[in-house]
Amino acid sequence: MFRPIRERWLVPSRNGVKPRPLQKGDLVLRILRGLIGDPRGKFRPSWSGPYVIRELTPEGAAWLTDLDGNQFSEPTNVDQLKKYYV
């Protein structure tokens, strides 16, 4: 009759959040890494963008363009992107 508390917590979380994969044409933000010597410290921006996904590869790489139409010369890993909602 009574289920353990842990089982009751897991039921909503199993059904709640569904992954939304990125698609061609989506607006995304790209993570900024490697700014060790930035004088702003923890107040520096963590994300740059927005960018448009120009092309996606099955291996998990995305070719990006900015909103002005300038294309990046190297692909970006999809793990370093998050969707930008307007």
PDB file of N, CA and C in Angstrom:
ATOM      1  N   MET A   1       0.817  -1.187   0.000  1.00  0.00           N
ATOM      2  CA  MET A   1       0.000   0.000   0.000  1.00  0.00           C
ATOM      3  C   MET A   1       0.863   1.254   0.000  1.00  0.00           C
ATOM      4  N   PHE A   2       1.857   1.310   0.871  1.00  0.00           N
ATOM      5  CA  PHE A   2       2.715   2.485   0.923  1.00  0.00           C
ATOM      6  C   PHE A   2       3.987   2.220   0.145  1.00  0.00           C
ATOM      7  N   ARG A   3       4.358   3.164  -0.709  1.00  0.00           N
ATOM      8  CA  ARG A   3       5.617   3.048  -1.443  1.00  0.00           C
ATOM      9  C   ARG A   3       6.688   3.822  -0.691  1.00  0.00           C
ATOM     10  N   PRO A   4       7.923   3.393  -0.785  1.00  0.00           N
ATOM     11  CA  PRO A   4       8.997   4.163  -0.148  1.00  0.00           C
ATOM     12  C   PRO A   4       9.081   5.572  -0.737  1.00  0.00           C
ATOM     13  N   ILE A   5       9.569   6.489   0.064  1.00  0.00           N
ATOM     14  CA  ILE A   5       9.657   7.890  -0.353  1.00  0.00           C
ATOM     15  C   ILE A   5      10.499   8.028  -1.607  1.00  0.00           C
ATOM     16  N   ARG A   6      11.560   7.272  -1.702  1.00  0.00           N
ATOM     17  CA  ARG A   6      12.450   7.385  -2.862  1.00  0.00           C
ATOM     18  C   ARG A   6      11.704   7.068  -4.159  1.00  0.00           C
ATOM     19  N   GLU A   7      10.852   6.059  -4.150  1.00  0.00           N
ATOM     20  CA  GLU A   7      10.083   5.716  -5.345  1.00  0.00           C
ATOM     21  C   GLU A   7       9.104   6.825  -5.707  1.00  0.00           C
ATOM     22  N   ARG A   8       8.517   7.458  -4.708  1.00  0.00           N
ATOM     23  CA  ARG A   8       7.577   8.549  -4.987  1.00  0.00           C
ATOM     24  C   ARG A   8       8.290   9.751  -5.587  1.00  0.00           C
ATOM     25  N   TRP A   9       9.545   9.979  -5.220  1.00  0.00           N
ATOM     26  CA  TRP A   9      10.302  11.102  -5.775  1.00  0.00           C
ATOM     27  C   TRP A   9      10.715  10.840  -7.214  1.00  0.00           C
ATOM     28  N   LEU A  10      10.997   9.580  -7.541  1.00  0.00           N
ATOM     29  CA  LEU A  10      11.496   9.256  -8.870  1.00  0.00           C
ATOM     30  C   LEU A  10      10.421   9.289  -9.947  1.00  0.00           C
ATOM     31  N   VAL A  11       9.191   9.037  -9.614  1.00  0.00           N
ATOM     32  CA  VAL A  11       8.136   8.962 -10.627  1.00  0.00           C
ATOM     33  C   VAL A  11       7.975  10.278 -11.380  1.00  0.00           C
ATOM     34  N   PRO A  12       7.828  11.439 -10.733  1.00  0.00           N
ATOM     35  CA  PRO A  12       7.689  12.670 -11.521  1.00  0.00           C
ATOM     36  C   PRO A  12       8.951  13.022 -12.305  1.00  0.00           C
ATOM     37  N   SER A  13      10.119  12.709 -11.769  1.00  0.00           N
ATOM     38  CA  SER A  13      11.342  13.085 -12.468  1.00  0.00           C
ATOM     39  C   SER A  13      11.566  12.229 -13.708  1.00  0.00           C
ATOM     40  N   ARG A  14      11.052  11.016 -13.732  1.00  0.00           N
ATOM     41  CA  ARG A  14      11.186  10.178 -14.918  1.00  0.00           C
ATOM     42  C   ARG A  14      10.365  10.725 -16.079  1.00  0.00           C
ATOM     43  N   ASN A  15       9.258  11.342 -15.801  1.00  0.00           N
ATOM     44  CA  ASN A  15       8.352  11.796 -16.846  1.00  0.00           C
ATOM     45  C   ASN A  15       8.481  13.282 -17.154  1.00  0.00           C
ATOM     46  N   GLY A  16       9.142  14.051 -16.306  1.00  0.00           N
ATOM     47  CA  GLY A  16       9.106  15.501 -16.403  1.00  0.00           C
ATOM     48  C   GLY A  16       9.898  16.121 -17.528  1.00  0.00           C
ATOM     49  N   VAL A  17      11.192  15.997 -17.535  1.00  0.00           N
ATOM     50  CA  VAL A  17      12.037  16.730 -18.469  1.00  0.00           C
ATOM     51  C   VAL A  17      12.405  15.834 -19.643  1.00  0.00           C
ATOM     52  N   LYS A  18      12.114  16.313 -20.838  1.00  0.00           N
ATOM     53  CA  LYS A  18      12.469  15.572 -22.041  1.00  0.00           C
ATOM     54  C   LYS A  18      13.583  16.322 -22.765  1.00  0.00           C
ATOM     55  N   PRO A  19      14.606  15.631 -23.232  1.00  0.00           N
ATOM     56  CA  PRO A  19      15.691  16.321 -23.939  1.00  0.00           C
ATOM     57  C   PRO A  19      15.206  16.894 -25.262  1.00  0.00           C
ATOM     58  N   ARG A  20      15.699  18.071 -25.589  1.00  0.00           N
ATOM     59  CA  ARG A  20      15.370  18.714 -26.852  1.00  0.00           C
ATOM     60  C   ARG A  20      16.657  18.891 -27.637  1.00  0.00           C
ATOM     61  N   PRO A  21      16.899  18.033 -28.605  1.00  0.00           N
ATOM     62  CA  PRO A  21      18.157  18.127 -29.351  1.00  0.00           C
ATOM     63  C   PRO A  21      18.207  19.391 -30.201  1.00  0.00           C
ATOM     64  N   LEU A  22      19.423  19.871 -30.422  1.00  0.00           N
ATOM     65  CA  LEU A  22      19.611  21.056 -31.252  1.00  0.00           C
ATOM     66  C   LEU A  22      19.399  20.698 -32.713  1.00  0.00           C
ATOM     67  N   GLN A  23      18.908  21.670 -33.475  1.00  0.00           N
ATOM     68  CA  GLN A  23      18.647  21.466 -34.893  1.00  0.00           C
ATOM     69  C   GLN A  23      19.294  22.581 -35.691  1.00  0.00           C
ATOM     70  N   LYS A  24      19.411  22.357 -36.978  1.00  0.00           N
ATOM     71  CA  LYS A  24      19.952  23.363 -37.886  1.00  0.00           C
ATOM     72  C   LYS A  24      19.034  24.586 -37.860  1.00  0.00           C
ATOM     73  N   GLY A  25      19.633  25.773 -37.714  1.00  0.00           N
ATOM     74  CA  GLY A  25      18.866  27.007 -37.669  1.00  0.00           C
ATOM     75  C   GLY A  25      18.532  27.490 -36.276  1.00  0.00           C
ATOM     76  N   ASP A  26      18.822  26.707 -35.237  1.00  0.00           N
ATOM     77  CA  ASP A  26      18.546  27.115 -33.860  1.00  0.00           C
ATOM     78  C   ASP A  26      19.514  28.200 -33.415  1.00  0.00           C
ATOM     79  N   LEU A  27      19.047  29.084 -32.543  1.00  0.00           N
ATOM     80  CA  LEU A  27      19.914  30.065 -31.899  1.00  0.00           C
ATOM     81  C   LEU A  27      20.521  29.418 -30.660  1.00  0.00           C
ATOM     82  N   VAL A  28      21.835  29.554 -30.499  1.00  0.00           N
ATOM     83  CA  VAL A  28      22.530  28.932 -29.373  1.00  0.00           C
ATOM     84  C   VAL A  28      23.516  29.918 -28.756  1.00  0.00           C
ATOM     85  N   LEU A  29      23.900  29.640 -27.515  1.00  0.00           N
ATOM     86  CA  LEU A  29      24.976  30.343 -26.830  1.00  0.00           C
ATOM     87  C   LEU A  29      26.151  29.383 -26.710  1.00  0.00           C
ATOM     88  N   ARG A  30      27.369  29.925 -26.788  1.00  0.00           N
ATOM     89  CA  ARG A  30      28.577  29.107 -26.694  1.00  0.00           C
ATOM     90  C   ARG A  30      29.314  29.464 -25.413  1.00  0.00           C
ATOM     91  N   ILE A  31      29.804  28.453 -24.701  1.00  0.00           N
ATOM     92  CA  ILE A  31      30.488  28.679 -23.429  1.00  0.00           C
ATOM     93  C   ILE A  31      31.849  29.319 -23.685  1.00  0.00           C
ATOM     94  N   LEU A  32      32.244  30.220 -22.800  1.00  0.00           N
ATOM     95  CA  LEU A  32      33.565  30.849 -22.874  1.00  0.00           C
ATOM     96  C   LEU A  32      34.491  30.124 -21.913  1.00  0.00           C
ATOM     97  N   ARG A  33      35.591  29.626 -22.424  1.00  0.00           N
ATOM     98  CA  ARG A  33      36.575  28.926 -21.593  1.00  0.00           C
ATOM     99  C   ARG A  33      37.947  29.548 -21.815  1.00  0.00           C
ATOM    100  N   GLY A  34      38.803  29.402 -20.832  1.00  0.00           N
ATOM    101  CA  GLY A  34      40.189  29.784 -20.993  1.00  0.00           C
ATOM    102  C   GLY A  34      40.519  31.234 -20.718  1.00  0.00           C
ATOM    103  N   LEU A  35      39.621  31.975 -20.110  1.00  0.00           N
ATOM    104  CA  LEU A  35      39.926  33.366 -19.775  1.00  0.00           C
ATOM    105  C   LEU A  35      40.464  33.422 -18.350  1.00  0.00           C
ATOM    106  N   ILE A  36      41.628  32.853 -18.145  1.00  0.00           N
ATOM    107  CA  ILE A  36      42.202  32.740 -16.798  1.00  0.00           C
ATOM    108  C   ILE A  36      42.559  34.113 -16.237  1.00  0.00           C
ATOM    109  N   GLY A  37      43.195  34.953 -17.034  1.00  0.00           N
ATOM    110  CA  GLY A  37      43.677  36.230 -16.535  1.00  0.00           C
ATOM    111  C   GLY A  37      42.684  37.366 -16.643  1.00  0.00           C
ATOM    112  N   ASP A  38      41.414  37.074 -16.759  1.00  0.00           N
ATOM    113  CA  ASP A  38      40.404  38.123 -16.880  1.00  0.00           C
ATOM    114  C   ASP A  38      40.297  38.879 -15.560  1.00  0.00           C
ATOM    115  N   PRO A  39      40.471  40.207 -15.566  1.00  0.00           N
ATOM    116  CA  PRO A  39      40.437  40.963 -14.312  1.00  0.00           C
ATOM    117  C   PRO A  39      39.052  41.008 -13.666  1.00  0.00           C
ATOM    118  N   ARG A  40      38.001  40.677 -14.411  1.00  0.00           N
ATOM    119  CA  ARG A  40      36.653  40.714 -13.840  1.00  0.00           C
ATOM    120  C   ARG A  40      36.380  39.511 -12.944  1.00  0.00           C
ATOM    121  N   GLY A  41      37.246  38.490 -13.022  1.00  0.00           N
ATOM    122  CA  GLY A  41      37.111  37.324 -12.151  1.00  0.00           C
ATOM    123  C   GLY A  41      35.806  36.587 -12.354  1.00  0.00           C
ATOM    124  N   LYS A  42      35.085  36.355 -11.270  1.00  0.00           N
ATOM    125  CA  LYS A  42      33.845  35.591 -11.372  1.00  0.00           C
ATOM    126  C   LYS A  42      32.709  36.384 -12.010  1.00  0.00           C
ATOM    127  N   PHE A  43      32.921  37.679 -12.245  1.00  0.00           N
ATOM    128  CA  PHE A  43      31.878  38.502 -12.855  1.00  0.00           C
ATOM    129  C   PHE A  43      31.995  38.578 -14.371  1.00  0.00           C
ATOM    130  N   ARG A  44      32.935  37.833 -14.953  1.00  0.00           N
ATOM    131  CA  ARG A  44      33.066  37.822 -16.406  1.00  0.00           C
ATOM    132  C   ARG A  44      31.914  37.035 -17.008  1.00  0.00           C
ATOM    133  N   PRO A  45      31.546  37.301 -18.250  1.00  0.00           N
ATOM    134  CA  PRO A  45      30.462  36.529 -18.864  1.00  0.00           C
ATOM    135  C   PRO A  45      30.871  35.070 -19.065  1.00  0.00           C
ATOM    136  N   SER A  46      29.932  34.170 -18.898  1.00  0.00           N
ATOM    137  CA  SER A  46      30.194  32.740 -19.052  1.00  0.00           C
ATOM    138  C   SER A  46      29.832  32.233 -20.436  1.00  0.00           C
ATOM    139  N   TRP A  47      28.954  32.947 -21.140  1.00  0.00           N
ATOM    140  CA  TRP A  47      28.462  32.511 -22.438  1.00  0.00           C
ATOM    141  C   TRP A  47      28.609  33.642 -23.437  1.00  0.00           C
ATOM    142  N   SER A  48      28.824  33.298 -24.706  1.00  0.00           N
ATOM    143  CA  SER A  48      28.876  34.299 -25.774  1.00  0.00           C
ATOM    144  C   SER A  48      27.835  33.940 -26.821  1.00  0.00           C
ATOM    145  N   GLY A  49      27.388  34.932 -27.538  1.00  0.00           N
ATOM    146  CA  GLY A  49      26.416  34.661 -28.593  1.00  0.00           C
ATOM    147  C   GLY A  49      25.317  35.692 -28.593  1.00  0.00           C
ATOM    148  N   PRO A  50      24.252  35.457 -29.237  1.00  0.00           N
ATOM    149  CA  PRO A  50      23.766  34.221 -29.828  1.00  0.00           C
ATOM    150  C   PRO A  50      24.368  33.948 -31.204  1.00  0.00           C
ATOM    151  N   TYR A  51      24.401  32.674 -31.548  1.00  0.00           N
ATOM    152  CA  TYR A  51      24.871  32.204 -32.846  1.00  0.00           C
ATOM    153  C   TYR A  51      23.794  31.322 -33.467  1.00  0.00           C
ATOM    154  N   VAL A  52      23.889  31.131 -34.775  1.00  0.00           N
ATOM    155  CA  VAL A  52      22.955  30.272 -35.502  1.00  0.00           C
ATOM    156  C   VAL A  52      23.699  29.006 -35.919  1.00  0.00           C
ATOM    157  N   ILE A  53      23.078  27.857 -35.741  1.00  0.00           N
ATOM    158  CA  ILE A  53      23.682  26.598 -36.177  1.00  0.00           C
ATOM    159  C   ILE A  53      23.525  26.495 -37.688  1.00  0.00           C
ATOM    160  N   ARG A  54      24.653  26.467 -38.377  1.00  0.00           N
ATOM    161  CA  ARG A  54      24.653  26.370 -39.835  1.00  0.00           C
ATOM    162  C   ARG A  54      24.599  24.921 -40.288  1.00  0.00           C
ATOM    163  N   GLU A  55      25.313  24.052 -39.563  1.00  0.00           N
ATOM    164  CA  GLU A  55      25.386  22.643 -39.948  1.00  0.00           C
ATOM    165  C   GLU A  55      25.684  21.804 -38.710  1.00  0.00           C
ATOM    166  N   LEU A  56      25.091  20.623 -38.636  1.00  0.00           N
ATOM    167  CA  LEU A  56      25.339  19.677 -37.549  1.00  0.00           C
ATOM    168  C   LEU A  56      25.894  18.384 -38.121  1.00  0.00           C
ATOM    169  N   THR A  57      26.856  17.793 -37.425  1.00  0.00           N
ATOM    170  CA  THR A  57      27.396  16.503 -37.845  1.00  0.00           C
ATOM    171  C   THR A  57      26.898  15.426 -36.888  1.00  0.00           C
ATOM    172  N   PRO A  58      26.825  14.184 -37.331  1.00  0.00           N
ATOM    173  CA  PRO A  58      26.380  13.099 -36.436  1.00  0.00           C
ATOM    174  C   PRO A  58      27.337  12.855 -35.271  1.00  0.00           C
ATOM    175  N   GLU A  59      28.591  13.276 -35.406  1.00  0.00           N
ATOM    176  CA  GLU A  59      29.573  13.070 -34.336  1.00  0.00           C
ATOM    177  C   GLU A  59      29.394  14.041 -33.182  1.00  0.00           C
ATOM    178  N   GLY A  60      28.564  15.070 -33.321  1.00  0.00           N
ATOM    179  CA  GLY A  60      28.327  16.010 -32.237  1.00  0.00           C
ATOM    180  C   GLY A  60      29.037  17.331 -32.400  1.00  0.00           C
ATOM    181  N   ALA A  61      29.365  17.722 -33.620  1.00  0.00           N
ATOM    182  CA  ALA A  61      29.991  19.017 -33.878  1.00  0.00           C
ATOM    183  C   ALA A  61      28.992  19.915 -34.597  1.00  0.00           C
ATOM    184  N   ALA A  62      29.090  21.220 -34.345  1.00  0.00           N
ATOM    185  CA  ALA A  62      28.192  22.186 -34.969  1.00  0.00           C
ATOM    186  C   ALA A  62      29.015  23.311 -35.581  1.00  0.00           C
ATOM    187  N   TRP A  63      28.687  23.672 -36.808  1.00  0.00           N
ATOM    188  CA  TRP A  63      29.293  24.821 -37.473  1.00  0.00           C
ATOM    189  C   TRP A  63      28.385  26.012 -37.217  1.00  0.00           C
ATOM    190  N   LEU A  64      28.954  27.100 -36.701  1.00  0.00           N
ATOM    191  CA  LEU A  64      28.162  28.247 -36.274  1.00  0.00           C
ATOM    192  C   LEU A  64      28.403  29.460 -37.160  1.00  0.00           C
ATOM    193  N   THR A  65      27.409  30.328 -37.210  1.00  0.00           N
ATOM    194  CA  THR A  65      27.542  31.661 -37.796  1.00  0.00           C
ATOM    195  C   THR A  65      26.951  32.644 -36.801  1.00  0.00           C
ATOM    196  N   ASP A  66      27.486  33.857 -36.777  1.00  0.00           N
ATOM    197  CA  ASP A  66      26.887  34.862 -35.909  1.00  0.00           C
ATOM    198  C   ASP A  66      25.716  35.512 -36.645  1.00  0.00           C
ATOM    199  N   LEU A  67      25.046  36.428 -35.986  1.00  0.00           N
ATOM    200  CA  LEU A  67      23.844  37.021 -36.569  1.00  0.00           C
ATOM    201  C   LEU A  67      24.151  37.950 -37.737  1.00  0.00           C
ATOM    202  N   ASP A  68      25.413  38.369 -37.890  1.00  0.00           N
ATOM    203  CA  ASP A  68      25.814  39.199 -39.026  1.00  0.00           C
ATOM    204  C   ASP A  68      26.145  38.366 -40.255  1.00  0.00           C
ATOM    205  N   GLY A  69      26.209  37.051 -40.120  1.00  0.00           N
ATOM    206  CA  GLY A  69      26.512  36.168 -41.237  1.00  0.00           C
ATOM    207  C   GLY A  69      27.955  35.717 -41.305  1.00  0.00           C
ATOM    208  N   ASN A  70      28.796  36.140 -40.359  1.00  0.00           N
ATOM    209  CA  ASN A  70      30.196  35.703 -40.329  1.00  0.00           C
ATOM    210  C   ASN A  70      30.264  34.255 -39.854  1.00  0.00           C
ATOM    211  N   GLN A  71      30.998  33.424 -40.592  1.00  0.00           N
ATOM    212  CA  GLN A  71      31.081  32.006 -40.275  1.00  0.00           C
ATOM    213  C   GLN A  71      32.359  31.703 -39.499  1.00  0.00           C
ATOM    214  N   PHE A  72      32.261  30.770 -38.550  1.00  0.00           N
ATOM    215  CA  PHE A  72      33.425  30.329 -37.798  1.00  0.00           C
ATOM    216  C   PHE A  72      34.227  29.358 -38.647  1.00  0.00           C
ATOM    217  N   SER A  73      35.546  29.384 -38.489  1.00  0.00           N
ATOM    218  CA  SER A  73      36.406  28.511 -39.292  1.00  0.00           C
ATOM    219  C   SER A  73      36.513  27.103 -38.715  1.00  0.00           C
ATOM    220  N   GLU A  74      36.176  26.920 -37.439  1.00  0.00           N
ATOM    221  CA  GLU A  74      36.273  25.609 -36.801  1.00  0.00           C
ATOM    222  C   GLU A  74      34.925  25.226 -36.198  1.00  0.00           C
ATOM    223  N   PRO A  75      34.624  23.934 -36.163  1.00  0.00           N
ATOM    224  CA  PRO A  75      33.359  23.511 -35.544  1.00  0.00           C
ATOM    225  C   PRO A  75      33.435  23.596 -34.019  1.00  0.00           C
ATOM    226  N   THR A  76      32.280  23.616 -33.393  1.00  0.00           N
ATOM    227  CA  THR A  76      32.161  23.655 -31.940  1.00  0.00           C
ATOM    228  C   THR A  76      31.449  22.396 -31.479  1.00  0.00           C
ATOM    229  N   ASN A  77      31.909  21.826 -30.376  1.00  0.00           N
ATOM    230  CA  ASN A  77      31.275  20.639 -29.819  1.00  0.00           C
ATOM    231  C   ASN A  77      29.892  21.008 -29.288  1.00  0.00           C
ATOM    232  N   VAL A  78      28.913  20.141 -29.521  1.00  0.00           N
ATOM    233  CA  VAL A  78      27.537  20.413 -29.104  1.00  0.00           C
ATOM    234  C   VAL A  78      27.434  20.486 -27.582  1.00  0.00           C
ATOM    235  N   ASP A  79      28.336  19.822 -26.863  1.00  0.00           N
ATOM    236  CA  ASP A  79      28.321  19.885 -25.401  1.00  0.00           C
ATOM    237  C   ASP A  79      28.619  21.286 -24.889  1.00  0.00           C
ATOM    238  N   GLN A  80      29.243  22.135 -25.701  1.00  0.00           N
ATOM    239  CA  GLN A  80      29.589  23.491 -25.293  1.00  0.00           C
ATOM    240  C   GLN A  80      28.531  24.508 -25.705  1.00  0.00           C
ATOM    241  N   LEU A  81      27.384  24.032 -26.160  1.00  0.00           N
ATOM    242  CA  LEU A  81      26.312  24.915 -26.609  1.00  0.00           C
ATOM    243  C   LEU A  81      25.079  24.719 -25.748  1.00  0.00           C
ATOM    244  N   LYS A  82      24.308  25.789 -25.608  1.00  0.00           N
ATOM    245  CA  LYS A  82      22.978  25.653 -25.024  1.00  0.00           C
ATOM    246  C   LYS A  82      22.022  26.516 -25.827  1.00  0.00           C
ATOM    247  N   LYS A  83      20.782  26.087 -25.873  1.00  0.00           N
ATOM    248  CA  LYS A  83      19.782  26.752 -26.697  1.00  0.00           C
ATOM    249  C   LYS A  83      19.496  28.143 -26.147  1.00  0.00           C
ATOM    250  N   TYR A  84      19.347  29.097 -27.064  1.00  0.00           N
ATOM    251  CA  TYR A  84      19.044  30.483 -26.716  1.00  0.00           C
ATOM    252  C   TYR A  84      17.575  30.722 -27.015  1.00  0.00           C
ATOM    253  N   TYR A  85      16.812  31.071 -25.994  1.00  0.00           N
ATOM    254  CA  TYR A  85      15.383  31.320 -26.149  1.00  0.00           C
ATOM    255  C   TYR A  85      15.147  32.820 -26.197  1.00  0.00           C
ATOM    256  N   VAL A  86      14.429  33.252 -27.220  1.00  0.00           N
ATOM    257  CA  VAL A  86      14.143  34.685 -27.384  1.00  0.00           C
ATOM    258  C   VAL A  86      12.813  34.995 -26.769  1.00  0.00           C
TER     259      VAL A  86
END
